[in-house]
Amino acid sequence: MKYLPIIKYVLLIVSAILLIFGMVQGEGAALDTMLVWSLIVVLLTIALTVIMPLIAVFQNPKSAVRSLIGLGILVVVFLISYALATDDPIKLASNKVIDNTFDLKFSDTALWMTYITFAGVILSILFGEVYKVFKK
């Protein structure tokens, strides 16, 4: 993956430019701009998450099982996150109300996915350390 550092820097620069662009336009524009950008990045991530295992299957068919298990876990986490997400309107301190159901459901799903993934990482780290202790 020799292009990975370049891709990371491009995504970072685009995110910074969009954030600055949204802040210059006004208080609500920054949030709208970053929500659209996060939707694009999440959809790109989902697309690559589906495409990359398929490429791996053709390159090494024996690793297909492991890739499909990872993809299945991702789908299960997404479905759980979507089920936990709500689209309840949010009242801001400026008495404005955010009531776009798609934006609310999308952001809540992304938050739940982040929480579940973080909990999974912490549990896998703890399991790995406990496993090392009992393995010796």
N, C-alpha and C. Protein backbone atom coordinates (compact mmCIF):
# COMPACT_ATOMS: atom_id res chain seq x y z
N MET A 1 0.84 -1.19 0.00
CA MET A 1 0.00 0.00 0.00
C MET A 1 0.88 1.25 0.00
N LYS A 2 1.60 1.43 -1.08
CA LYS A 2 2.51 2.57 -1.15
C LYS A 2 1.78 3.90 -1.33
N TYR A 3 0.51 3.85 -1.72
CA TYR A 3 -0.24 5.09 -1.92
C TYR A 3 -1.00 5.53 -0.67
N LEU A 4 -1.00 4.74 0.37
CA LEU A 4 -1.78 5.04 1.57
C LEU A 4 -1.39 6.37 2.22
N PRO A 5 -0.10 6.70 2.39
CA PRO A 5 0.23 8.01 2.98
C PRO A 5 -0.27 9.18 2.14
N ILE A 6 -0.22 9.04 0.83
CA ILE A 6 -0.70 10.11 -0.04
C ILE A 6 -2.21 10.28 0.11
N ILE A 7 -2.93 9.17 0.16
CA ILE A 7 -4.38 9.22 0.32
C ILE A 7 -4.75 9.86 1.65
N LYS A 8 -4.03 9.51 2.72
CA LYS A 8 -4.31 10.09 4.03
C LYS A 8 -4.13 11.61 4.02
N TYR A 9 -3.04 12.08 3.41
CA TYR A 9 -2.80 13.52 3.35
C TYR A 9 -3.83 14.24 2.50
N VAL A 10 -4.24 13.64 1.40
CA VAL A 10 -5.26 14.25 0.55
C VAL A 10 -6.58 14.37 1.32
N LEU A 11 -6.99 13.31 2.02
CA LEU A 11 -8.22 13.36 2.81
C LEU A 11 -8.14 14.40 3.92
N LEU A 12 -6.99 14.52 4.56
CA LEU A 12 -6.80 15.52 5.61
C LEU A 12 -6.89 16.93 5.05
N ILE A 13 -6.26 17.17 3.91
CA ILE A 13 -6.28 18.50 3.30
C ILE A 13 -7.69 18.86 2.83
N VAL A 14 -8.39 17.91 2.19
CA VAL A 14 -9.77 18.17 1.75
C VAL A 14 -10.66 18.47 2.94
N SER A 15 -10.50 17.72 4.02
CA SER A 15 -11.31 17.96 5.23
C SER A 15 -11.05 19.35 5.80
N ALA A 16 -9.79 19.75 5.87
CA ALA A 16 -9.45 21.08 6.40
C ALA A 16 -10.02 22.18 5.51
N ILE A 17 -9.90 22.02 4.20
CA ILE A 17 -10.43 23.04 3.28
C ILE A 17 -11.94 23.15 3.41
N LEU A 18 -12.64 22.00 3.48
CA LEU A 18 -14.09 22.04 3.62
C LEU A 18 -14.51 22.64 4.96
N LEU A 19 -13.78 22.37 6.02
CA LEU A 19 -14.10 22.96 7.32
C LEU A 19 -13.93 24.47 7.28
N ILE A 20 -12.84 24.94 6.71
CA ILE A 20 -12.61 26.39 6.60
C ILE A 20 -13.67 27.01 5.72
N PHE A 21 -14.00 26.37 4.59
CA PHE A 21 -15.03 26.87 3.68
C PHE A 21 -16.37 26.98 4.39
N GLY A 22 -16.72 25.97 5.18
CA GLY A 22 -17.99 26.01 5.91
C GLY A 22 -18.00 27.08 6.98
N MET A 23 -16.87 27.29 7.65
CA MET A 23 -16.81 28.31 8.71
C MET A 23 -16.92 29.71 8.13
N VAL A 24 -16.37 29.92 6.95
CA VAL A 24 -16.45 31.24 6.31
C VAL A 24 -17.89 31.55 5.91
N GLN A 25 -18.65 30.54 5.49
CA GLN A 25 -20.01 30.76 5.04
C GLN A 25 -20.98 31.08 6.18
N GLY A 26 -20.74 30.58 7.37
CA GLY A 26 -21.65 30.86 8.47
C GLY A 26 -21.71 29.70 9.43
N GLU A 27 -22.49 29.89 10.51
CA GLU A 27 -22.48 28.91 11.59
C GLU A 27 -23.11 27.58 11.19
N GLY A 28 -24.15 27.57 10.41
CA GLY A 28 -24.79 26.31 10.02
C GLY A 28 -24.12 25.65 8.84
N ALA A 29 -23.42 26.42 8.04
CA ALA A 29 -22.81 25.87 6.83
C ALA A 29 -21.67 24.91 7.16
N ALA A 30 -20.93 25.18 8.22
CA ALA A 30 -19.82 24.30 8.59
C ALA A 30 -20.34 22.91 8.96
N LEU A 31 -21.42 22.87 9.72
CA LEU A 31 -22.01 21.60 10.10
C LEU A 31 -22.55 20.86 8.88
N ASP A 32 -23.27 21.58 8.02
CA ASP A 32 -23.81 20.95 6.82
C ASP A 32 -22.70 20.43 5.91
N THR A 33 -21.66 21.24 5.73
CA THR A 33 -20.56 20.84 4.86
C THR A 33 -19.86 19.60 5.40
N MET A 34 -19.59 19.59 6.70
CA MET A 34 -18.89 18.45 7.28
C MET A 34 -19.77 17.20 7.33
N LEU A 35 -21.09 17.35 7.48
CA LEU A 35 -21.96 16.18 7.44
C LEU A 35 -21.99 15.57 6.04
N VAL A 36 -22.02 16.40 5.02
CA VAL A 36 -21.99 15.89 3.65
C VAL A 36 -20.64 15.22 3.38
N TRP A 37 -19.55 15.84 3.83
CA TRP A 37 -18.22 15.26 3.63
C TRP A 37 -18.10 13.93 4.39
N SER A 38 -18.64 13.88 5.61
CA SER A 38 -18.56 12.62 6.36
C SER A 38 -19.39 11.54 5.68
N LEU A 39 -20.52 11.92 5.08
CA LEU A 39 -21.32 10.95 4.34
C LEU A 39 -20.52 10.40 3.15
N ILE A 40 -19.83 11.28 2.44
CA ILE A 40 -19.02 10.86 1.30
C ILE A 40 -17.91 9.91 1.76
N VAL A 41 -17.23 10.27 2.84
CA VAL A 41 -16.13 9.44 3.33
C VAL A 41 -16.64 8.09 3.84
N VAL A 42 -17.78 8.08 4.54
CA VAL A 42 -18.33 6.82 5.03
C VAL A 42 -18.77 5.93 3.87
N LEU A 43 -19.42 6.51 2.86
CA LEU A 43 -19.83 5.72 1.70
C LEU A 43 -18.62 5.19 0.94
N LEU A 44 -17.58 6.00 0.82
CA LEU A 44 -16.34 5.54 0.19
C LEU A 44 -15.72 4.40 0.99
N THR A 45 -15.73 4.52 2.31
CA THR A 45 -15.19 3.48 3.17
C THR A 45 -15.99 2.19 3.03
N ILE A 46 -17.31 2.32 3.00
CA ILE A 46 -18.15 1.13 2.83
C ILE A 46 -17.88 0.48 1.48
N ALA A 47 -17.78 1.30 0.44
CA ALA A 47 -17.51 0.74 -0.89
C ALA A 47 -16.17 0.02 -0.92
N LEU A 48 -15.15 0.64 -0.34
CA LEU A 48 -13.83 0.00 -0.32
C LEU A 48 -13.81 -1.23 0.57
N THR A 49 -14.61 -1.22 1.63
CA THR A 49 -14.69 -2.37 2.51
C THR A 49 -15.32 -3.56 1.79
N VAL A 50 -16.21 -3.29 0.87
CA VAL A 50 -16.81 -4.36 0.09
C VAL A 50 -15.89 -4.79 -1.06
N ILE A 51 -15.25 -3.82 -1.71
CA ILE A 51 -14.44 -4.11 -2.89
C ILE A 51 -13.12 -4.80 -2.53
N MET A 52 -12.43 -4.33 -1.50
CA MET A 52 -11.11 -4.88 -1.18
C MET A 52 -11.13 -6.37 -0.84
N PRO A 53 -12.10 -6.87 -0.05
CA PRO A 53 -12.13 -8.32 0.16
C PRO A 53 -12.39 -9.11 -1.13
N LEU A 54 -13.17 -8.51 -2.04
CA LEU A 54 -13.41 -9.21 -3.31
C LEU A 54 -12.12 -9.31 -4.12
N ILE A 55 -11.32 -8.26 -4.09
CA ILE A 55 -10.02 -8.31 -4.77
C ILE A 55 -9.13 -9.36 -4.10
N ALA A 56 -9.16 -9.41 -2.78
CA ALA A 56 -8.35 -10.39 -2.05
C ALA A 56 -8.80 -11.81 -2.35
N VAL A 57 -10.09 -12.01 -2.58
CA VAL A 57 -10.60 -13.34 -2.90
C VAL A 57 -9.99 -13.83 -4.21
N PHE A 58 -9.92 -12.95 -5.19
CA PHE A 58 -9.37 -13.36 -6.48
C PHE A 58 -7.86 -13.56 -6.42
N GLN A 59 -7.18 -12.81 -5.55
CA GLN A 59 -5.73 -12.96 -5.43
C GLN A 59 -5.35 -14.18 -4.59
N ASN A 60 -6.11 -14.42 -3.52
CA ASN A 60 -5.81 -15.55 -2.63
C ASN A 60 -7.13 -16.14 -2.14
N PRO A 61 -7.66 -17.12 -2.83
CA PRO A 61 -8.99 -17.65 -2.47
C PRO A 61 -9.07 -18.24 -1.06
N LYS A 62 -7.95 -18.70 -0.52
CA LYS A 62 -7.98 -19.30 0.82
C LYS A 62 -8.25 -18.26 1.91
N SER A 63 -7.90 -17.01 1.63
CA SER A 63 -8.14 -15.96 2.63
C SER A 63 -9.56 -15.41 2.55
N ALA A 64 -10.37 -15.97 1.67
CA ALA A 64 -11.73 -15.46 1.48
C ALA A 64 -12.58 -15.60 2.73
N VAL A 65 -12.40 -16.68 3.44
CA VAL A 65 -13.22 -16.91 4.63
C VAL A 65 -12.98 -15.82 5.67
N ARG A 66 -11.73 -15.50 5.91
CA ARG A 66 -11.39 -14.48 6.90
C ARG A 66 -11.92 -13.10 6.47
N SER A 67 -11.82 -12.78 5.20
CA SER A 67 -12.32 -11.50 4.70
C SER A 67 -13.83 -11.42 4.81
N LEU A 68 -14.50 -12.51 4.48
CA LEU A 68 -15.96 -12.50 4.54
C LEU A 68 -16.46 -12.44 5.99
N ILE A 69 -15.72 -13.01 6.91
CA ILE A 69 -16.09 -12.90 8.33
C ILE A 69 -15.99 -11.45 8.78
N GLY A 70 -14.91 -10.78 8.39
CA GLY A 70 -14.76 -9.36 8.74
C GLY A 70 -15.85 -8.50 8.14
N LEU A 71 -16.21 -8.78 6.89
CA LEU A 71 -17.29 -8.04 6.24
C LEU A 71 -18.62 -8.31 6.93
N GLY A 72 -18.84 -9.55 7.32
CA GLY A 72 -20.07 -9.90 8.03
C GLY A 72 -20.18 -9.19 9.38
N ILE A 73 -19.06 -9.11 10.08
CA ILE A 73 -19.05 -8.40 11.36
C ILE A 73 -19.36 -6.92 11.15
N LEU A 74 -18.80 -6.34 10.10
CA LEU A 74 -19.07 -4.93 9.79
C LEU A 74 -20.56 -4.71 9.50
N VAL A 75 -21.17 -5.60 8.75
CA VAL A 75 -22.60 -5.48 8.43
C VAL A 75 -23.44 -5.60 9.70
N VAL A 76 -23.08 -6.53 10.58
CA VAL A 76 -23.83 -6.70 11.83
C VAL A 76 -23.71 -5.46 12.71
N VAL A 77 -22.49 -4.89 12.80
CA VAL A 77 -22.30 -3.67 13.59
C VAL A 77 -23.11 -2.52 13.00
N PHE A 78 -23.15 -2.42 11.66
CA PHE A 78 -23.94 -1.37 11.03
C PHE A 78 -25.42 -1.54 11.32
N LEU A 79 -25.93 -2.76 11.20
CA LEU A 79 -27.35 -2.99 11.46
C LEU A 79 -27.72 -2.71 12.91
N ILE A 80 -26.86 -3.09 13.84
CA ILE A 80 -27.11 -2.79 15.25
C ILE A 80 -27.09 -1.29 15.48
N SER A 81 -26.12 -0.61 14.87
CA SER A 81 -26.01 0.85 15.03
C SER A 81 -27.22 1.55 14.44
N TYR A 82 -27.68 1.09 13.30
CA TYR A 82 -28.85 1.70 12.66
C TYR A 82 -30.10 1.47 13.51
N ALA A 83 -30.20 0.29 14.13
CA ALA A 83 -31.35 0.00 14.99
C ALA A 83 -31.34 0.87 16.25
N LEU A 84 -30.16 1.18 16.76
CA LEU A 84 -30.06 2.00 17.97
C LEU A 84 -30.21 3.50 17.69
N ALA A 85 -30.00 3.90 16.44
CA ALA A 85 -30.01 5.33 16.09
C ALA A 85 -31.44 5.87 16.10
N THR A 86 -31.54 7.14 16.48
CA THR A 86 -32.84 7.82 16.46
C THR A 86 -32.76 9.03 15.53
N ASP A 87 -33.92 9.49 15.14
CA ASP A 87 -33.98 10.69 14.32
C ASP A 87 -34.80 11.78 15.02
N ASP A 88 -34.70 11.81 16.34
CA ASP A 88 -35.40 12.83 17.12
C ASP A 88 -34.81 14.20 16.83
N PRO A 89 -35.66 15.22 16.65
CA PRO A 89 -35.14 16.57 16.38
C PRO A 89 -34.28 17.08 17.54
N ILE A 90 -33.28 17.90 17.19
CA ILE A 90 -32.37 18.46 18.18
C ILE A 90 -32.61 19.97 18.25
N LYS A 91 -32.86 20.48 19.45
CA LYS A 91 -33.03 21.92 19.63
C LYS A 91 -31.70 22.50 20.07
N LEU A 92 -31.18 23.45 19.29
CA LEU A 92 -29.90 24.07 19.59
C LEU A 92 -30.08 25.21 20.59
N ALA A 93 -28.98 25.70 21.12
CA ALA A 93 -29.03 26.80 22.08
C ALA A 93 -29.56 28.08 21.43
N SER A 94 -29.42 28.21 20.11
CA SER A 94 -29.89 29.40 19.41
C SER A 94 -31.37 29.27 19.03
N ASN A 95 -32.08 28.32 19.63
CA ASN A 95 -33.50 28.04 19.39
C ASN A 95 -33.79 27.54 17.98
N LYS A 96 -32.75 27.18 17.23
CA LYS A 96 -32.98 26.52 15.95
C LYS A 96 -33.17 25.04 16.21
N VAL A 97 -33.88 24.39 15.32
CA VAL A 97 -34.16 22.97 15.46
C VAL A 97 -33.61 22.25 14.24
N ILE A 98 -32.80 21.22 14.49
CA ILE A 98 -32.33 20.36 13.41
C ILE A 98 -33.32 19.22 13.31
N ASP A 99 -34.06 19.17 12.20
CA ASP A 99 -35.10 18.16 12.07
C ASP A 99 -35.01 17.35 10.78
N ASN A 100 -33.88 17.43 10.10
CA ASN A 100 -33.68 16.63 8.90
C ASN A 100 -33.45 15.18 9.33
N THR A 101 -34.41 14.32 9.05
CA THR A 101 -34.36 12.95 9.58
C THR A 101 -33.17 12.16 9.03
N PHE A 102 -32.80 12.40 7.77
CA PHE A 102 -31.67 11.66 7.20
C PHE A 102 -30.38 12.03 7.92
N ASP A 103 -30.13 13.33 8.09
CA ASP A 103 -28.90 13.77 8.78
C ASP A 103 -28.85 13.26 10.21
N LEU A 104 -29.99 13.31 10.91
CA LEU A 104 -30.03 12.86 12.29
C LEU A 104 -29.79 11.36 12.40
N LYS A 105 -30.43 10.58 11.54
CA LYS A 105 -30.26 9.13 11.56
C LYS A 105 -28.84 8.74 11.16
N PHE A 106 -28.29 9.43 10.15
CA PHE A 106 -26.93 9.13 9.68
C PHE A 106 -25.90 9.44 10.76
N SER A 107 -26.01 10.61 11.37
CA SER A 107 -25.02 10.98 12.38
C SER A 107 -25.14 10.09 13.62
N ASP A 108 -26.35 9.75 14.00
CA ASP A 108 -26.53 8.88 15.16
C ASP A 108 -26.01 7.47 14.87
N THR A 109 -26.23 6.98 13.65
CA THR A 109 -25.70 5.67 13.27
C THR A 109 -24.18 5.68 13.30
N ALA A 110 -23.58 6.75 12.76
CA ALA A 110 -22.12 6.86 12.77
C ALA A 110 -21.58 6.90 14.20
N LEU A 111 -22.26 7.62 15.08
CA LEU A 111 -21.83 7.66 16.48
C LEU A 111 -21.91 6.28 17.13
N TRP A 112 -23.02 5.59 16.93
CA TRP A 112 -23.17 4.26 17.51
C TRP A 112 -22.12 3.30 16.95
N MET A 113 -21.83 3.40 15.64
CA MET A 113 -20.80 2.53 15.06
C MET A 113 -19.44 2.82 15.70
N THR A 114 -19.16 4.11 15.94
CA THR A 114 -17.91 4.48 16.58
C THR A 114 -17.84 3.92 17.99
N TYR A 115 -18.92 4.04 18.75
CA TYR A 115 -18.94 3.54 20.12
C TYR A 115 -18.74 2.02 20.15
N ILE A 116 -19.46 1.31 19.29
CA ILE A 116 -19.38 -0.16 19.27
C ILE A 116 -17.99 -0.60 18.84
N THR A 117 -17.43 0.06 17.82
CA THR A 117 -16.10 -0.29 17.34
C THR A 117 -15.05 -0.02 18.42
N PHE A 118 -15.16 1.12 19.10
CA PHE A 118 -14.22 1.45 20.17
C PHE A 118 -14.31 0.42 21.29
N ALA A 119 -15.52 0.03 21.66
CA ALA A 119 -15.68 -0.98 22.70
C ALA A 119 -15.07 -2.31 22.25
N GLY A 120 -15.25 -2.65 20.99
CA GLY A 120 -14.66 -3.88 20.47
C GLY A 120 -13.14 -3.85 20.50
N VAL A 121 -12.56 -2.70 20.18
CA VAL A 121 -11.10 -2.57 20.22
C VAL A 121 -10.60 -2.72 21.65
N ILE A 122 -11.24 -2.05 22.58
CA ILE A 122 -10.84 -2.14 23.99
C ILE A 122 -10.96 -3.58 24.49
N LEU A 123 -12.07 -4.25 24.16
CA LEU A 123 -12.25 -5.63 24.60
C LEU A 123 -11.21 -6.56 23.96
N SER A 124 -10.87 -6.33 22.70
CA SER A 124 -9.87 -7.20 22.06
C SER A 124 -8.48 -6.96 22.65
N ILE A 125 -8.17 -5.73 23.02
CA ILE A 125 -6.89 -5.46 23.68
C ILE A 125 -6.84 -6.15 25.04
N LEU A 126 -7.91 -6.02 25.81
CA LEU A 126 -7.96 -6.67 27.12
C LEU A 126 -7.89 -8.19 26.98
N PHE A 127 -8.62 -8.75 26.03
CA PHE A 127 -8.59 -10.19 25.82
C PHE A 127 -7.19 -10.64 25.43
N GLY A 128 -6.53 -9.88 24.57
CA GLY A 128 -5.17 -10.23 24.15
C GLY A 128 -4.19 -10.23 25.30
N GLU A 129 -4.31 -9.24 26.18
CA GLU A 129 -3.41 -9.17 27.33
C GLU A 129 -3.68 -10.30 28.32
N VAL A 130 -4.95 -10.58 28.59
CA VAL A 130 -5.30 -11.66 29.51
C VAL A 130 -4.87 -13.00 28.92
N TYR A 131 -5.04 -13.17 27.62
CA TYR A 131 -4.62 -14.40 26.96
C TYR A 131 -3.11 -14.62 27.06
N LYS A 132 -2.33 -13.53 26.93
CA LYS A 132 -0.87 -13.63 27.06
C LYS A 132 -0.48 -14.07 28.47
N VAL A 133 -1.21 -13.57 29.49
CA VAL A 133 -0.88 -13.92 30.87
C VAL A 133 -1.11 -15.42 31.11
N PHE A 134 -2.24 -15.94 30.64
CA PHE A 134 -2.55 -17.35 30.88
C PHE A 134 -1.82 -18.30 29.94
N LYS A 135 -1.31 -17.79 28.83
CA LYS A 135 -0.56 -18.62 27.88
C LYS A 135 0.81 -18.99 28.41
N LYS A 136 1.41 -18.11 29.20
CA LYS A 136 2.76 -18.34 29.73
C LYS A 136 2.73 -19.35 30.79
